[in-house]
Amino acid sequence: LHVKGTNFQVNVWQALLAIPSGRLVSYQDIATHLGKPKAARAVASAVAANPAAYLIPCHRVIAKTGKFHKYRWGATRKKAMIAREAAANM
């Protein structure tokens, strides 16, 4: 898969690929992982710009509060994908 983005976006997308199936992380977790703990909003923007949503699993990212933010294909689909992954890992 060849995707185009800024260096920061590509780094965020690579971090998304490292999230195990069925696990959830926050935007803040990704920002911290990238060494930019104050960049949670920039991470959210990069996640939203993900050009290959299911292949680069942006559905595994939620707010630090546990809230599901907007998802391009709807919250119902996001929750269903998370539930399917969680069930498959049981």
C-alpha atoms as a PDB file:
ATOM      1  CA  LEU A   1       0.000   0.000   0.000  1.00  0.00           C
ATOM      2  CA  HIS A   2       1.394   3.391  -0.985  1.00  0.00           C
ATOM      3  CA  VAL A   3      -0.116   6.390   0.763  1.00  0.00           C
ATOM      4  CA  LYS A   4       0.859  10.024   0.547  1.00  0.00           C
ATOM      5  CA  GLY A   5       0.891  12.420   3.465  1.00  0.00           C
ATOM      6  CA  THR A   6       3.102  14.670   5.505  1.00  0.00           C
ATOM      7  CA  ASN A   7       5.862  13.048   7.551  1.00  0.00           C
ATOM      8  CA  PHE A   8       3.726  13.530  10.659  1.00  0.00           C
ATOM      9  CA  GLN A   9       0.669  11.918   9.046  1.00  0.00           C
ATOM     10  CA  VAL A  10       2.702   8.941   7.870  1.00  0.00           C
ATOM     11  CA  ASN A  11       4.159   8.531  11.372  1.00  0.00           C
ATOM     12  CA  VAL A  12       0.648   8.575  12.855  1.00  0.00           C
ATOM     13  CA  TRP A  13      -0.565   6.032  10.291  1.00  0.00           C
ATOM     14  CA  GLN A  14       2.405   3.781  11.092  1.00  0.00           C
ATOM     15  CA  ALA A  15       1.487   4.038  14.781  1.00  0.00           C
ATOM     16  CA  LEU A  16      -2.081   3.001  13.889  1.00  0.00           C
ATOM     17  CA  LEU A  17      -0.733  -0.097  12.174  1.00  0.00           C
ATOM     18  CA  ALA A  18       1.013  -1.091  15.409  1.00  0.00           C
ATOM     19  CA  ILE A  19      -2.215  -1.118  17.461  1.00  0.00           C
ATOM     20  CA  PRO A  20      -3.204  -4.754  18.037  1.00  0.00           C
ATOM     21  CA  SER A  21      -6.571  -5.878  16.747  1.00  0.00           C
ATOM     22  CA  GLY A  22      -9.272  -5.438  19.369  1.00  0.00           C
ATOM     23  CA  ARG A  23      -7.323  -2.817  21.335  1.00  0.00           C
ATOM     24  CA  LEU A  24      -8.151   0.855  21.686  1.00  0.00           C
ATOM     25  CA  VAL A  25      -5.797   3.776  22.222  1.00  0.00           C
ATOM     26  CA  SER A  26      -6.351   7.492  22.620  1.00  0.00           C
ATOM     27  CA  TYR A  27      -5.135  10.306  20.408  1.00  0.00           C
ATOM     28  CA  GLN A  28      -3.021  11.330  23.404  1.00  0.00           C
ATOM     29  CA  ASP A  29      -1.465   7.846  23.565  1.00  0.00           C
ATOM     30  CA  ILE A  30      -0.369   8.115  19.949  1.00  0.00           C
ATOM     31  CA  ALA A  31       0.974  11.639  20.435  1.00  0.00           C
ATOM     32  CA  THR A  32       2.992  10.471  23.429  1.00  0.00           C
ATOM     33  CA  HIS A  33       4.246   7.430  21.509  1.00  0.00           C
ATOM     34  CA  LEU A  34       5.485   9.764  18.760  1.00  0.00           C
ATOM     35  CA  GLY A  35       7.337  11.894  21.301  1.00  0.00           C
ATOM     36  CA  LYS A  36       4.932  14.800  20.893  1.00  0.00           C
ATOM     37  CA  PRO A  37       2.675  14.601  23.973  1.00  0.00           C
ATOM     38  CA  LYS A  38       0.987  17.951  23.265  1.00  0.00           C
ATOM     39  CA  ALA A  39       0.027  17.008  19.707  1.00  0.00           C
ATOM     40  CA  ALA A  40      -3.190  15.065  20.386  1.00  0.00           C
ATOM     41  CA  ARG A  41      -5.237  17.407  18.160  1.00  0.00           C
ATOM     42  CA  ALA A  42      -2.706  17.082  15.332  1.00  0.00           C
ATOM     43  CA  VAL A  43      -2.900  13.297  15.738  1.00  0.00           C
ATOM     44  CA  ALA A  44      -6.697  13.515  15.477  1.00  0.00           C
ATOM     45  CA  SER A  45      -6.355  15.468  12.234  1.00  0.00           C
ATOM     46  CA  ALA A  46      -3.908  12.910  10.838  1.00  0.00           C
ATOM     47  CA  VAL A  47      -6.227  10.061  11.838  1.00  0.00           C
ATOM     48  CA  ALA A  48      -9.116  11.826  10.081  1.00  0.00           C
ATOM     49  CA  ALA A  49      -6.973  12.200   6.941  1.00  0.00           C
ATOM     50  CA  ASN A  50      -6.260   8.458   6.786  1.00  0.00           C
ATOM     51  CA  PRO A  51      -6.764   7.471   3.128  1.00  0.00           C
ATOM     52  CA  ALA A  52      -7.195   3.724   3.751  1.00  0.00           C
ATOM     53  CA  ALA A  53      -9.371   3.550   6.841  1.00  0.00           C
ATOM     54  CA  TYR A  54      -9.839  -0.186   7.345  1.00  0.00           C
ATOM     55  CA  LEU A  55      -6.332  -1.112   6.216  1.00  0.00           C
ATOM     56  CA  ILE A  56      -4.837   1.570   8.448  1.00  0.00           C
ATOM     57  CA  PRO A  57      -7.075   0.982  11.492  1.00  0.00           C
ATOM     58  CA  CYS A  58      -8.132   4.461  12.571  1.00  0.00           C
ATOM     59  CA  HIS A  59     -11.250   2.942  14.151  1.00  0.00           C
ATOM     60  CA  ARG A  60      -9.055   1.814  17.075  1.00  0.00           C
ATOM     61  CA  VAL A  61      -8.518   5.395  18.266  1.00  0.00           C
ATOM     62  CA  ILE A  62     -10.830   7.075  20.753  1.00  0.00           C
ATOM     63  CA  ALA A  63     -10.705  10.143  22.973  1.00  0.00           C
ATOM     64  CA  LYS A  64      -8.785   9.973  26.248  1.00  0.00           C
ATOM     65  CA  THR A  65     -12.152  10.249  28.011  1.00  0.00           C
ATOM     66  CA  GLY A  66     -13.346   7.080  26.279  1.00  0.00           C
ATOM     67  CA  LYS A  67     -15.679   9.013  23.990  1.00  0.00           C
ATOM     68  CA  PHE A  68     -15.971   7.975  20.355  1.00  0.00           C
ATOM     69  CA  HIS A  69     -15.352  10.966  18.116  1.00  0.00           C
ATOM     70  CA  LYS A  70     -16.736  11.326  14.637  1.00  0.00           C
ATOM     71  CA  TYR A  71     -15.864   8.549  12.233  1.00  0.00           C
ATOM     72  CA  ARG A  72     -16.036   9.099   8.491  1.00  0.00           C
ATOM     73  CA  TRP A  73     -18.311   6.077   8.005  1.00  0.00           C
ATOM     74  CA  GLY A  74     -20.410   6.603  11.134  1.00  0.00           C
ATOM     75  CA  ALA A  75     -20.180   5.740  14.817  1.00  0.00           C
ATOM     76  CA  THR A  76     -22.277   2.599  14.377  1.00  0.00           C
ATOM     77  CA  ARG A  77     -19.792   1.133  11.916  1.00  0.00           C
ATOM     78  CA  LYS A  78     -16.828   2.105  14.125  1.00  0.00           C
ATOM     79  CA  LYS A  79     -18.388   0.410  17.160  1.00  0.00           C
ATOM     80  CA  ALA A  80     -19.229  -2.684  15.092  1.00  0.00           C
ATOM     81  CA  MET A  81     -15.638  -3.016  13.831  1.00  0.00           C
ATOM     82  CA  ILE A  82     -14.277  -2.639  17.363  1.00  0.00           C
ATOM     83  CA  ALA A  83     -16.764  -5.208  18.696  1.00  0.00           C
ATOM     84  CA  ARG A  84     -15.927  -7.674  15.914  1.00  0.00           C
ATOM     85  CA  GLU A  85     -12.210  -7.391  16.609  1.00  0.00           C
ATOM     86  CA  ALA A  86     -12.705  -7.741  20.365  1.00  0.00           C
ATOM     87  CA  ALA A  87     -14.870 -10.847  19.883  1.00  0.00           C
ATOM     88  CA  ALA A  88     -12.334 -12.396  17.518  1.00  0.00           C
ATOM     89  CA  ASN A  89      -9.609 -11.958  20.137  1.00  0.00           C
ATOM     90  CA  MET A  90     -11.511 -13.730  22.906  1.00  0.00           C
END
